[in-house]
């Protein structure tokens, strides 16, 4: 009746294009491309101080997450079932991420604006997409993606928390 993998609770991964992953990447990358032309004041000063280990985790995580979210069809919407709530929450976090960026682009574009919180989520620009992609991994039952998101989160959120700490200490952008 059940094969060995099903009895052990291991979910089979399905290679194939994920349109949901593509939508998430577009939602992630569009504001980042716009941001590259709207850097906060003194950003280069903060970027020069980034922890190299965290930066390595961030870069590796970015490549892995960007690749894995596209090559597994497990993230695509199948039948609507109670488990679909995980995908819905993930998508709502991505919408909140877009709202975060709109708020940033309408701000004075200081480091404090860049590393602000939204609805109590600290360093929202880093935290929201990491949680959203993590929930996408859970929804798809995709352990490699979940591991990649953890790697990304360690680097990306870590770097942003350090920048926020520096920005709070720096009074030049007030």
Protein backbone atom coordinates (compact mmCIF):
# COMPACT_ATOMS: atom_id res chain seq x y z
CA UNK A 1 0.00 0.00 0.00
CA UNK A 2 2.73 2.53 0.97
CA UNK A 3 6.25 2.42 -0.33
CA UNK A 4 9.20 2.65 2.06
CA UNK A 5 9.70 6.42 1.63
CA UNK A 6 6.04 7.13 2.42
CA UNK A 7 6.13 4.93 5.52
CA UNK A 8 9.21 6.77 6.76
CA UNK A 9 7.62 10.19 6.16
CA UNK A 10 10.13 11.13 3.46
CA UNK A 11 8.61 13.10 0.64
CA UNK A 12 9.75 12.51 -2.91
CA UNK A 13 11.10 15.57 -4.70
CA UNK A 14 9.96 16.38 -8.22
CA UNK A 15 12.28 18.07 -10.67
CA UNK A 16 10.52 20.50 -12.98
CA UNK A 17 9.97 24.21 -13.44
CA UNK A 18 8.31 26.06 -10.58
CA UNK A 19 6.24 29.04 -11.64
CA UNK A 20 5.66 29.81 -7.94
CA UNK A 21 9.43 29.96 -7.44
CA UNK A 22 9.70 32.31 -10.42
CA UNK A 23 6.99 34.58 -8.98
CA UNK A 24 8.85 34.68 -5.65
CA UNK A 25 12.14 35.51 -7.37
CA UNK A 26 10.52 38.33 -9.35
CA UNK A 27 9.00 39.67 -6.11
CA UNK A 28 12.42 39.41 -4.48
CA UNK A 29 14.58 40.82 -7.25
CA UNK A 30 12.46 43.69 -8.59
CA UNK A 31 12.78 45.91 -5.51
CA UNK A 32 16.44 44.92 -5.15
CA UNK A 33 17.17 46.12 -8.68
CA UNK A 34 15.40 49.41 -7.92
CA UNK A 35 17.28 49.61 -4.60
CA UNK A 36 20.63 49.39 -6.42
CA UNK A 37 19.86 52.89 -7.76
CA UNK A 38 18.51 54.08 -4.37
CA UNK A 39 21.13 53.04 -1.83
CA UNK A 40 20.84 54.50 1.64
CA UNK A 41 23.19 57.30 2.65
CA UNK A 42 26.64 55.95 3.63
CA UNK A 43 25.76 52.37 2.64
CA UNK A 44 29.25 51.70 1.26
CA UNK A 45 30.75 52.47 4.67
CA UNK A 46 28.60 49.76 6.26
CA UNK A 47 29.12 47.25 3.45
CA UNK A 48 32.90 47.54 3.86
CA UNK A 49 32.56 46.24 7.44
CA UNK A 50 30.54 43.10 6.59
CA UNK A 51 31.59 39.88 8.27
CA UNK A 52 33.21 37.72 5.57
CA UNK A 53 31.83 34.46 6.98
CA UNK A 54 28.28 35.84 7.01
CA UNK A 55 28.82 37.20 3.51
CA UNK A 56 29.90 33.72 2.31
CA UNK A 57 26.78 32.17 3.87
CA UNK A 58 24.62 34.85 2.24
CA UNK A 59 26.10 34.37 -1.24
CA UNK A 60 25.96 30.57 -1.10
CA UNK A 61 22.39 30.74 0.22
CA UNK A 62 21.35 33.18 -2.51
CA UNK A 63 22.62 30.92 -5.28
CA UNK A 64 21.11 27.77 -3.75
CA UNK A 65 17.71 29.29 -2.97
CA UNK A 66 17.44 31.00 -6.35
CA UNK A 67 18.26 27.77 -8.15
CA UNK A 68 16.27 25.33 -6.01
CA UNK A 69 13.06 27.39 -6.03
CA UNK A 70 13.03 27.17 -9.83
CA UNK A 71 13.97 23.52 -10.43
CA UNK A 72 11.46 21.73 -8.19
CA UNK A 73 7.82 21.64 -9.22
CA UNK A 74 6.89 20.78 -5.60
CA UNK A 75 6.37 24.51 -4.97
CA UNK A 76 3.63 24.82 -7.61
CA UNK A 77 0.02 24.94 -6.52
CA UNK A 78 -1.63 21.54 -6.72
CA UNK A 79 -4.97 20.89 -5.18
CA UNK A 80 -6.21 23.30 -2.53
CA UNK A 81 -6.02 21.56 0.83
CA UNK A 82 -5.48 22.60 4.46
CA UNK A 83 -1.71 22.47 3.93
CA UNK A 84 -2.11 25.25 1.34
CA UNK A 85 -2.38 27.71 4.25
CA UNK A 86 1.43 27.44 4.54
CA UNK A 87 1.79 28.68 0.97
CA UNK A 88 -0.74 31.45 1.60
CA UNK A 89 1.14 32.68 4.69
CA UNK A 90 4.40 32.53 2.73
CA UNK A 91 2.89 34.60 -0.07
CA UNK A 92 1.44 37.13 2.39
CA UNK A 93 4.95 37.56 3.83
CA UNK A 94 6.20 38.31 0.32
CA UNK A 95 3.42 40.92 -0.06
CA UNK A 96 4.53 42.44 3.26
CA UNK A 97 8.09 42.45 1.86
CA UNK A 98 6.85 44.50 -1.11
CA UNK A 99 5.13 46.92 1.30
CA UNK A 100 8.40 47.22 3.24
CA UNK A 101 10.16 48.24 0.02
CA UNK A 102 7.49 50.79 -0.93
CA UNK A 103 7.89 52.33 2.52
CA UNK A 104 11.68 52.42 2.08
CA UNK A 105 11.50 54.01 -1.40
CA UNK A 106 9.16 56.72 -0.05
CA UNK A 107 11.47 57.40 2.92
CA UNK A 108 14.57 59.58 3.17
CA UNK A 109 16.58 56.42 2.38
CA UNK A 110 18.80 56.40 5.45
CA UNK A 111 20.41 53.31 6.94
CA UNK A 112 17.80 53.40 9.69
CA UNK A 113 15.07 53.31 7.04
CA UNK A 114 16.80 50.41 5.32
CA UNK A 115 17.01 48.29 8.46
CA UNK A 116 13.66 49.16 9.93
CA UNK A 117 11.03 46.76 11.18
CA UNK A 118 7.50 46.28 9.90
CA UNK A 119 4.69 44.85 12.02
CA UNK A 120 7.26 43.89 14.64
CA UNK A 121 9.43 41.91 12.19
CA UNK A 122 13.03 43.09 12.75
CA UNK A 123 15.17 44.01 9.72
CA UNK A 124 12.14 43.27 7.59
CA UNK A 125 13.98 43.57 4.27
CA UNK A 126 16.09 40.56 5.21
CA UNK A 127 13.80 38.61 7.51
CA UNK A 128 10.55 38.56 5.53
CA UNK A 129 11.86 36.90 2.36
CA UNK A 130 13.90 34.37 4.34
CA UNK A 131 10.82 33.30 6.31
CA UNK A 132 8.69 33.33 3.15
CA UNK A 133 11.13 31.09 1.26
CA UNK A 134 11.44 28.87 4.35
CA UNK A 135 7.67 28.40 4.40
CA UNK A 136 7.76 27.74 0.65
CA UNK A 137 10.27 24.96 1.35
CA UNK A 138 7.99 23.55 4.06
CA UNK A 139 4.99 23.74 1.72
CA UNK A 140 6.91 21.89 -0.99
CA UNK A 141 8.30 19.34 1.49
CA UNK A 142 11.71 20.19 0.10
CA UNK A 143 14.55 19.60 2.57
CA UNK A 144 17.36 20.85 0.25
CA UNK A 145 15.50 24.15 -0.13
CA UNK A 146 14.97 24.40 3.63
CA UNK A 147 18.68 23.86 4.25
CA UNK A 148 19.52 26.48 1.60
CA UNK A 149 17.14 28.96 3.24
CA UNK A 150 18.78 28.37 6.62
CA UNK A 151 22.20 29.04 5.09
CA UNK A 152 20.84 32.19 3.44
CA UNK A 153 19.16 33.31 6.65
CA UNK A 154 22.30 32.97 8.74
CA UNK A 155 24.23 35.19 6.35
CA UNK A 156 21.58 37.63 5.16
CA UNK A 157 19.83 38.30 8.46
CA UNK A 158 23.16 38.29 10.30
CA UNK A 159 24.61 40.95 8.01
CA UNK A 160 21.48 43.08 8.26
CA UNK A 161 21.37 42.84 12.05
CA UNK A 162 24.99 44.02 12.15
CA UNK A 163 24.17 46.92 9.81
CA UNK A 164 21.17 47.85 11.96
CA UNK A 165 23.35 47.83 15.08
CA UNK A 166 25.88 50.11 13.37
CA UNK A 167 23.12 52.40 12.08
CA UNK A 168 21.65 52.80 15.56
CA UNK A 169 25.07 53.77 16.88
CA UNK A 170 25.73 56.17 13.97
CA UNK A 171 24.08 59.56 14.48
CA UNK A 172 25.11 60.95 11.06
CA UNK A 173 21.88 59.91 9.28
CA UNK A 174 19.54 61.67 11.68
